[in-house]
Amino acid sequence: MQPEAMPGPENIPLGECTLSQSREQLSPPLSHTESTVFSLSRADSLWNSSQHSSAAAGPDRCSEVYWMPIHLMSTGGSFMFCGVVISGLYFAGHCRMVTNFLGPALLSIGLMVFVVGLVLIPITKENRKIFFLKFMQFLYLKSLVALG
């Protein structure tokens, strides 16, 4: 004679399982979820460093504000440098077939990307100034609502 098993969630047939029992089977216990990657990725210490814990005023360092123009200018400058070198090889008489097209193409693409980076600097300054003014206006209105 076999002892009868207790009717736990794993021994209940699928049709007789209630909604709360099925949710318990699907969701892991809370002690296991505390050590998952998902809970670690939601931790504030990973995303907010001590520098940026101020009231969401945005990045303060120039390298964080102007990263896109700096990146475009350095990429455009390196393309221009390669174009100058390859054009110099063309005029020196080396590999005329390849350097005939590649030198001017790299020069023009590099100059175009470099100029786009230069133009983005004043645009970024203006956007940063507008963001700062709107942020200060928001803080002022928030303080008025708190007082009233």
N, C-alpha and C. Protein backbone atom coordinates (compact mmCIF):
# COMPACT_ATOMS: atom_id res chain seq x y z
N MET A 1 0.83 -1.17 0.00
CA MET A 1 0.00 0.00 0.00
C MET A 1 0.88 1.25 0.00
N GLN A 2 0.64 2.13 -0.95
CA GLN A 2 1.43 3.36 -1.04
C GLN A 2 0.80 4.46 -0.22
N PRO A 3 1.65 5.24 0.47
CA PRO A 3 1.09 6.37 1.20
C PRO A 3 0.61 7.43 0.20
N GLU A 4 -0.50 8.04 0.48
CA GLU A 4 -1.05 9.03 -0.43
C GLU A 4 -0.29 10.34 -0.27
N ALA A 5 0.09 10.92 -1.41
CA ALA A 5 0.89 12.15 -1.40
C ALA A 5 0.01 13.34 -1.04
N MET A 6 0.65 14.29 -0.41
CA MET A 6 -0.05 15.51 -0.05
C MET A 6 -0.38 16.29 -1.33
N PRO A 7 -1.52 16.90 -1.45
CA PRO A 7 -1.86 17.62 -2.67
C PRO A 7 -1.18 18.98 -2.73
N GLY A 8 0.12 19.03 -3.09
CA GLY A 8 0.86 20.26 -3.26
C GLY A 8 0.68 20.77 -4.68
N PRO A 9 1.27 21.89 -5.00
CA PRO A 9 1.10 22.45 -6.33
C PRO A 9 1.65 21.53 -7.43
N GLU A 10 2.70 20.77 -7.13
CA GLU A 10 3.27 19.91 -8.18
C GLU A 10 2.46 18.64 -8.38
N ASN A 11 1.59 18.27 -7.46
CA ASN A 11 0.80 17.05 -7.57
C ASN A 11 -0.62 17.30 -8.03
N ILE A 12 -1.04 18.54 -8.20
CA ILE A 12 -2.39 18.86 -8.62
C ILE A 12 -2.46 18.78 -10.14
N PRO A 13 -3.42 18.10 -10.70
CA PRO A 13 -3.57 18.08 -12.16
C PRO A 13 -3.82 19.49 -12.69
N LEU A 14 -3.49 19.70 -13.96
CA LEU A 14 -3.53 21.03 -14.55
C LEU A 14 -4.92 21.64 -14.53
N GLY A 15 -5.94 20.87 -14.79
CA GLY A 15 -7.30 21.40 -14.82
C GLY A 15 -7.80 21.81 -13.46
N GLU A 16 -7.27 21.23 -12.37
CA GLU A 16 -7.75 21.52 -11.02
C GLU A 16 -6.93 22.59 -10.31
N CYS A 17 -5.94 23.13 -10.96
CA CYS A 17 -5.05 24.11 -10.35
C CYS A 17 -5.72 25.49 -10.37
N THR A 18 -5.73 26.17 -9.24
CA THR A 18 -6.33 27.50 -9.18
C THR A 18 -5.35 28.53 -9.71
N LEU A 19 -5.83 29.74 -9.93
CA LEU A 19 -5.01 30.80 -10.50
C LEU A 19 -3.85 31.17 -9.58
N SER A 20 -4.08 31.26 -8.29
CA SER A 20 -3.01 31.63 -7.37
C SER A 20 -1.94 30.54 -7.30
N GLN A 21 -2.34 29.28 -7.39
CA GLN A 21 -1.36 28.19 -7.37
C GLN A 21 -0.52 28.20 -8.64
N SER A 22 -1.13 28.51 -9.78
CA SER A 22 -0.36 28.55 -11.02
C SER A 22 0.60 29.72 -11.03
N ARG A 23 0.23 30.83 -10.42
CA ARG A 23 1.15 31.97 -10.33
C ARG A 23 2.33 31.63 -9.43
N GLU A 24 2.08 30.90 -8.36
CA GLU A 24 3.17 30.49 -7.47
C GLU A 24 4.14 29.58 -8.19
N GLN A 25 3.63 28.74 -9.07
CA GLN A 25 4.51 27.83 -9.81
C GLN A 25 5.34 28.59 -10.84
N LEU A 26 4.76 29.61 -11.45
CA LEU A 26 5.47 30.35 -12.49
C LEU A 26 6.50 31.32 -11.93
N SER A 27 6.20 32.00 -10.84
CA SER A 27 7.12 32.99 -10.30
C SER A 27 8.05 32.32 -9.28
N PRO A 28 9.35 32.64 -9.38
CA PRO A 28 10.29 32.07 -8.41
C PRO A 28 10.10 32.73 -7.05
N PRO A 29 10.56 32.08 -5.99
CA PRO A 29 10.47 32.69 -4.66
C PRO A 29 11.27 33.99 -4.61
N LEU A 30 10.89 34.88 -3.70
CA LEU A 30 11.53 36.19 -3.63
C LEU A 30 13.01 36.11 -3.28
N SER A 31 13.42 35.11 -2.56
CA SER A 31 14.83 35.02 -2.18
C SER A 31 15.71 34.77 -3.40
N HIS A 32 15.18 34.13 -4.45
CA HIS A 32 15.98 33.88 -5.64
C HIS A 32 16.05 35.11 -6.55
N THR A 33 15.03 35.94 -6.54
CA THR A 33 15.03 37.09 -7.44
C THR A 33 15.94 38.21 -6.96
N GLU A 34 16.31 38.21 -5.70
CA GLU A 34 17.17 39.29 -5.20
C GLU A 34 18.58 39.22 -5.77
N SER A 35 19.01 38.07 -6.19
CA SER A 35 20.37 37.95 -6.68
C SER A 35 20.44 37.83 -8.20
N THR A 36 19.39 38.15 -8.90
CA THR A 36 19.41 38.03 -10.35
C THR A 36 20.06 39.24 -10.98
N VAL A 37 20.38 39.09 -12.26
CA VAL A 37 20.99 40.18 -13.00
C VAL A 37 20.01 41.34 -13.16
N PHE A 38 18.72 41.01 -13.27
CA PHE A 38 17.72 42.06 -13.43
C PHE A 38 17.69 42.99 -12.24
N SER A 39 17.74 42.44 -11.04
CA SER A 39 17.71 43.31 -9.87
C SER A 39 19.01 44.09 -9.73
N LEU A 40 20.12 43.51 -10.17
CA LEU A 40 21.38 44.24 -10.13
C LEU A 40 21.40 45.37 -11.14
N SER A 41 20.78 45.15 -12.31
CA SER A 41 20.79 46.20 -13.32
C SER A 41 19.88 47.36 -12.92
N ARG A 42 18.93 47.13 -12.03
CA ARG A 42 18.05 48.20 -11.59
C ARG A 42 18.63 48.97 -10.41
N ALA A 43 19.77 48.57 -9.91
CA ALA A 43 20.36 49.24 -8.77
C ALA A 43 20.79 50.65 -9.16
N ASP A 44 20.53 51.62 -8.31
CA ASP A 44 20.88 53.00 -8.61
C ASP A 44 22.38 53.23 -8.64
N SER A 45 23.14 52.47 -7.88
CA SER A 45 24.58 52.70 -7.83
C SER A 45 25.26 52.37 -9.14
N LEU A 46 24.67 51.51 -9.96
CA LEU A 46 25.28 51.20 -11.26
C LEU A 46 25.08 52.32 -12.26
N TRP A 47 23.93 52.98 -12.22
CA TRP A 47 23.60 53.96 -13.24
C TRP A 47 23.89 55.38 -12.80
N ASN A 48 23.86 55.67 -11.53
CA ASN A 48 24.08 57.03 -11.04
C ASN A 48 25.37 57.07 -10.26
N SER A 49 26.34 57.79 -10.79
CA SER A 49 27.56 57.96 -10.02
C SER A 49 27.38 59.10 -9.04
N SER A 50 28.35 59.31 -8.18
CA SER A 50 28.21 60.36 -7.17
C SER A 50 28.22 61.75 -7.79
N GLN A 51 28.81 61.89 -9.00
CA GLN A 51 28.85 63.20 -9.64
C GLN A 51 27.46 63.61 -10.13
N HIS A 52 26.65 62.64 -10.58
CA HIS A 52 25.39 62.97 -11.21
C HIS A 52 24.20 62.79 -10.28
N SER A 53 24.43 62.72 -9.00
CA SER A 53 23.32 62.54 -8.07
C SER A 53 22.60 63.86 -7.78
N SER A 54 23.12 64.98 -8.28
CA SER A 54 22.42 66.24 -8.09
C SER A 54 21.12 66.22 -8.87
N ALA A 55 20.27 67.17 -8.65
CA ALA A 55 18.88 67.15 -9.09
C ALA A 55 18.73 67.13 -10.61
N ALA A 56 19.24 66.12 -11.26
CA ALA A 56 19.09 65.90 -12.70
C ALA A 56 19.48 67.11 -13.52
N ALA A 57 20.54 67.77 -13.13
CA ALA A 57 20.97 68.96 -13.85
C ALA A 57 21.70 68.61 -15.13
N GLY A 58 21.98 67.37 -15.37
CA GLY A 58 22.64 66.95 -16.59
C GLY A 58 24.14 66.83 -16.39
N PRO A 59 24.82 66.41 -17.43
CA PRO A 59 26.26 66.22 -17.32
C PRO A 59 26.99 67.56 -17.18
N ASP A 60 28.07 67.54 -16.43
CA ASP A 60 28.78 68.77 -16.16
C ASP A 60 30.09 68.89 -16.95
N ARG A 61 30.74 67.79 -17.20
CA ARG A 61 32.04 67.86 -17.87
C ARG A 61 31.85 68.10 -19.36
N CYS A 62 32.81 68.79 -19.97
CA CYS A 62 32.73 69.10 -21.40
C CYS A 62 32.80 67.84 -22.25
N SER A 63 33.54 66.83 -21.80
CA SER A 63 33.63 65.61 -22.59
C SER A 63 32.31 64.87 -22.64
N GLU A 64 31.44 65.07 -21.64
CA GLU A 64 30.12 64.44 -21.66
C GLU A 64 29.12 65.26 -22.46
N VAL A 65 29.29 66.55 -22.48
CA VAL A 65 28.36 67.42 -23.20
C VAL A 65 28.67 67.43 -24.69
N TYR A 66 29.94 67.53 -25.02
CA TYR A 66 30.36 67.69 -26.41
C TYR A 66 30.95 66.41 -26.99
N TRP A 67 30.48 65.25 -26.58
CA TRP A 67 31.07 64.01 -27.07
C TRP A 67 30.80 63.81 -28.55
N MET A 68 29.63 64.18 -29.03
CA MET A 68 29.31 63.98 -30.44
C MET A 68 30.13 64.88 -31.36
N PRO A 69 30.21 66.19 -31.10
CA PRO A 69 31.08 67.01 -31.96
C PRO A 69 32.55 66.60 -31.90
N ILE A 70 33.03 66.21 -30.72
CA ILE A 70 34.42 65.77 -30.60
C ILE A 70 34.64 64.50 -31.41
N HIS A 71 33.69 63.59 -31.33
CA HIS A 71 33.81 62.34 -32.08
C HIS A 71 33.78 62.60 -33.59
N LEU A 72 32.87 63.46 -34.04
CA LEU A 72 32.79 63.75 -35.47
C LEU A 72 34.03 64.49 -35.97
N MET A 73 34.54 65.42 -35.17
CA MET A 73 35.72 66.16 -35.60
C MET A 73 36.95 65.26 -35.65
N SER A 74 37.10 64.36 -34.70
CA SER A 74 38.26 63.47 -34.73
C SER A 74 38.14 62.46 -35.87
N THR A 75 36.95 61.96 -36.15
CA THR A 75 36.76 61.04 -37.26
C THR A 75 37.00 61.75 -38.59
N GLY A 76 36.42 62.93 -38.74
CA GLY A 76 36.64 63.70 -39.96
C GLY A 76 38.09 64.08 -40.16
N GLY A 77 38.77 64.43 -39.06
CA GLY A 77 40.19 64.78 -39.17
C GLY A 77 41.05 63.59 -39.59
N SER A 78 40.71 62.41 -39.07
CA SER A 78 41.49 61.24 -39.47
C SER A 78 41.21 60.85 -40.92
N PHE A 79 39.96 61.00 -41.38
CA PHE A 79 39.66 60.76 -42.79
C PHE A 79 40.39 61.76 -43.67
N MET A 80 40.41 63.03 -43.26
CA MET A 80 41.13 64.04 -44.03
C MET A 80 42.62 63.75 -44.08
N PHE A 81 43.18 63.33 -42.96
CA PHE A 81 44.61 63.00 -42.93
C PHE A 81 44.92 61.85 -43.88
N CYS A 82 44.08 60.82 -43.86
CA CYS A 82 44.29 59.70 -44.79
C CYS A 82 44.14 60.16 -46.24
N GLY A 83 43.19 61.06 -46.50
CA GLY A 83 43.03 61.59 -47.84
C GLY A 83 44.23 62.40 -48.30
N VAL A 84 44.81 63.18 -47.39
CA VAL A 84 46.01 63.96 -47.73
C VAL A 84 47.18 63.03 -48.04
N VAL A 85 47.34 61.99 -47.23
CA VAL A 85 48.45 61.05 -47.44
C VAL A 85 48.28 60.32 -48.77
N ILE A 86 47.07 59.85 -49.04
CA ILE A 86 46.84 59.11 -50.28
C ILE A 86 46.93 60.03 -51.49
N SER A 87 46.47 61.27 -51.36
CA SER A 87 46.63 62.23 -52.46
C SER A 87 48.11 62.55 -52.67
N GLY A 88 48.87 62.64 -51.59
CA GLY A 88 50.31 62.84 -51.72
C GLY A 88 50.98 61.68 -52.43
N LEU A 89 50.53 60.46 -52.16
CA LEU A 89 51.06 59.30 -52.88
C LEU A 89 50.71 59.37 -54.37
N TYR A 90 49.55 59.91 -54.69
CA TYR A 90 49.15 60.04 -56.09
C TYR A 90 50.10 61.01 -56.81
N PHE A 91 50.36 62.16 -56.18
CA PHE A 91 51.22 63.15 -56.82
C PHE A 91 52.68 62.74 -56.81
N ALA A 92 53.04 61.81 -55.92
CA ALA A 92 54.40 61.29 -55.91
C ALA A 92 54.59 60.21 -56.97
N GLY A 93 53.49 59.71 -57.53
CA GLY A 93 53.58 58.73 -58.60
C GLY A 93 53.44 57.29 -58.14
N HIS A 94 53.01 57.03 -56.93
CA HIS A 94 52.81 55.67 -56.43
C HIS A 94 51.35 55.26 -56.57
N CYS A 95 51.12 54.08 -57.11
CA CYS A 95 49.77 53.48 -57.17
C CYS A 95 48.74 54.45 -57.73
N ARG A 96 48.93 54.90 -58.95
CA ARG A 96 48.04 55.91 -59.52
C ARG A 96 46.61 55.43 -59.69
N MET A 97 46.38 54.13 -59.91
CA MET A 97 45.03 53.63 -60.12
C MET A 97 44.19 53.75 -58.84
N VAL A 98 44.75 53.35 -57.71
CA VAL A 98 44.00 53.36 -56.45
C VAL A 98 43.89 54.77 -55.89
N THR A 99 44.97 55.48 -55.87
CA THR A 99 44.98 56.80 -55.25
C THR A 99 44.26 57.85 -56.07
N ASN A 100 43.98 57.56 -57.33
CA ASN A 100 43.28 58.51 -58.18
C ASN A 100 41.89 58.81 -57.63
N PHE A 101 41.19 57.81 -57.13
CA PHE A 101 39.83 58.00 -56.62
C PHE A 101 39.77 58.07 -55.10
N LEU A 102 40.63 57.30 -54.46
CA LEU A 102 40.54 57.18 -53.01
C LEU A 102 40.98 58.44 -52.28
N GLY A 103 42.01 59.11 -52.75
CA GLY A 103 42.50 60.32 -52.08
C GLY A 103 41.48 61.43 -52.03
N PRO A 104 40.94 61.86 -53.18
CA PRO A 104 39.92 62.93 -53.13
C PRO A 104 38.64 62.52 -52.40
N ALA A 105 38.26 61.24 -52.49
CA ALA A 105 37.06 60.79 -51.79
C ALA A 105 37.24 60.90 -50.28
N LEU A 106 38.37 60.42 -49.78
CA LEU A 106 38.63 60.51 -48.34
C LEU A 106 38.77 61.96 -47.88
N LEU A 107 39.40 62.79 -48.71
CA LEU A 107 39.52 64.21 -48.37
C LEU A 107 38.15 64.87 -48.26
N SER A 108 37.28 64.62 -49.22
CA SER A 108 35.97 65.29 -49.20
C SER A 108 35.08 64.76 -48.08
N ILE A 109 35.10 63.45 -47.85
CA ILE A 109 34.29 62.89 -46.76
C ILE A 109 34.81 63.37 -45.42
N GLY A 110 36.13 63.39 -45.26
CA GLY A 110 36.72 63.86 -44.00
C GLY A 110 36.42 65.32 -43.73
N LEU A 111 36.50 66.15 -44.77
CA LEU A 111 36.20 67.57 -44.60
C LEU A 111 34.73 67.77 -44.25
N MET A 112 33.86 67.01 -44.90
CA MET A 112 32.42 67.15 -44.62
C MET A 112 32.10 66.75 -43.18
N VAL A 113 32.64 65.63 -42.70
CA VAL A 113 32.36 65.17 -41.34
C VAL A 113 32.99 66.13 -40.32
N PHE A 114 34.17 66.65 -40.62
CA PHE A 114 34.82 67.60 -39.72
C PHE A 114 34.00 68.89 -39.59
N VAL A 115 33.47 69.39 -40.69
CA VAL A 115 32.67 70.62 -40.66
C VAL A 115 31.35 70.39 -39.91
N VAL A 116 30.75 69.20 -40.08
CA VAL A 116 29.53 68.89 -39.33
C VAL A 116 29.83 68.92 -37.83
N GLY A 117 30.97 68.36 -37.42
CA GLY A 117 31.36 68.41 -36.02
C GLY A 117 31.57 69.82 -35.52
N LEU A 118 32.19 70.67 -36.37
CA LEU A 118 32.39 72.07 -35.98
C LEU A 118 31.07 72.82 -35.84
N VAL A 119 30.12 72.53 -36.71
CA VAL A 119 28.82 73.21 -36.65
C VAL A 119 28.01 72.75 -35.43
N LEU A 120 28.22 71.51 -35.00
CA LEU A 120 27.46 71.01 -33.85
C LEU A 120 27.88 71.66 -32.53
N ILE A 121 29.06 72.23 -32.45
CA ILE A 121 29.50 72.84 -31.19
C ILE A 121 28.60 74.02 -30.79
N PRO A 122 28.35 75.02 -31.65
CA PRO A 122 27.44 76.10 -31.22
C PRO A 122 26.00 75.64 -31.03
N ILE A 123 25.57 74.63 -31.81
CA ILE A 123 24.22 74.10 -31.64
C ILE A 123 24.09 73.45 -30.26
N THR A 124 25.10 72.69 -29.86
CA THR A 124 25.09 72.05 -28.54
C THR A 124 25.12 73.08 -27.43
N LYS A 125 25.90 74.14 -27.61
CA LYS A 125 25.93 75.21 -26.60
C LYS A 125 24.56 75.85 -26.44
N GLU A 126 23.90 76.13 -27.55
CA GLU A 126 22.59 76.77 -27.50
C GLU A 126 21.55 75.84 -26.86
N ASN A 127 21.58 74.56 -27.22
CA ASN A 127 20.64 73.61 -26.63
C ASN A 127 20.88 73.46 -25.13
N ARG A 128 22.13 73.48 -24.72
CA ARG A 128 22.45 73.37 -23.30
C ARG A 128 21.95 74.60 -22.54
N LYS A 129 22.09 75.77 -23.15
CA LYS A 129 21.60 77.00 -22.51
C LYS A 129 20.08 76.97 -22.38
N ILE A 130 19.38 76.53 -23.43
CA ILE A 130 17.92 76.44 -23.39
C ILE A 130 17.47 75.43 -22.34
N PHE A 131 18.17 74.27 -22.29
CA PHE A 131 17.82 73.26 -21.29
C PHE A 131 18.01 73.80 -19.88
N PHE A 132 19.10 74.54 -19.65
CA PHE A 132 19.36 75.09 -18.33
C PHE A 132 18.28 76.10 -17.93
N LEU A 133 17.88 76.95 -18.88
CA LEU A 133 16.83 77.94 -18.56
C LEU A 133 15.50 77.26 -18.26
N LYS A 134 15.15 76.23 -19.04
CA LYS A 134 13.90 75.51 -18.77
C LYS A 134 13.97 74.77 -17.44
N PHE A 135 15.13 74.23 -17.11
CA PHE A 135 15.29 73.54 -15.84
C PHE A 135 15.15 74.50 -14.68
N MET A 136 15.74 75.69 -14.80
CA MET A 136 15.61 76.69 -13.74
C MET A 136 14.17 77.17 -13.60
N GLN A 137 13.47 77.33 -14.74
CA GLN A 137 12.07 77.72 -14.69
C GLN A 137 11.23 76.64 -14.01
N PHE A 138 11.53 75.37 -14.30
CA PHE A 138 10.82 74.27 -13.67
C PHE A 138 11.05 74.28 -12.16
N LEU A 139 12.29 74.51 -11.71
CA LEU A 139 12.58 74.55 -10.28
C LEU A 139 11.86 75.72 -9.61
N TYR A 140 11.80 76.86 -10.29
CA TYR A 140 11.12 78.01 -9.74
C TYR A 140 9.63 77.74 -9.58
N LEU A 141 9.01 77.17 -10.63
CA LEU A 141 7.59 76.86 -10.55
C LEU A 141 7.31 75.78 -9.50
N LYS A 142 8.22 74.84 -9.37
CA LYS A 142 8.06 73.79 -8.34
C LYS A 142 8.13 74.39 -6.94
N SER A 143 9.02 75.37 -6.75
CA SER A 143 9.12 76.00 -5.43
C SER A 143 7.87 76.85 -5.14
N LEU A 144 7.29 77.46 -6.17
CA LEU A 144 6.06 78.25 -5.97
C LEU A 144 4.90 77.33 -5.59
N VAL A 145 4.82 76.16 -6.23
CA VAL A 145 3.74 75.22 -5.92
C VAL A 145 3.92 74.68 -4.51
N ALA A 146 5.16 74.44 -4.10
CA ALA A 146 5.42 73.93 -2.75
C ALA A 146 5.07 74.97 -1.69
N LEU A 147 5.28 76.23 -1.99
CA LEU A 147 4.97 77.28 -1.02
C LEU A 147 3.47 77.53 -0.94
N GLY A 148 2.78 77.39 -2.07
CA GLY A 148 1.36 77.74 -2.11
C GLY A 148 0.42 76.69 -1.70
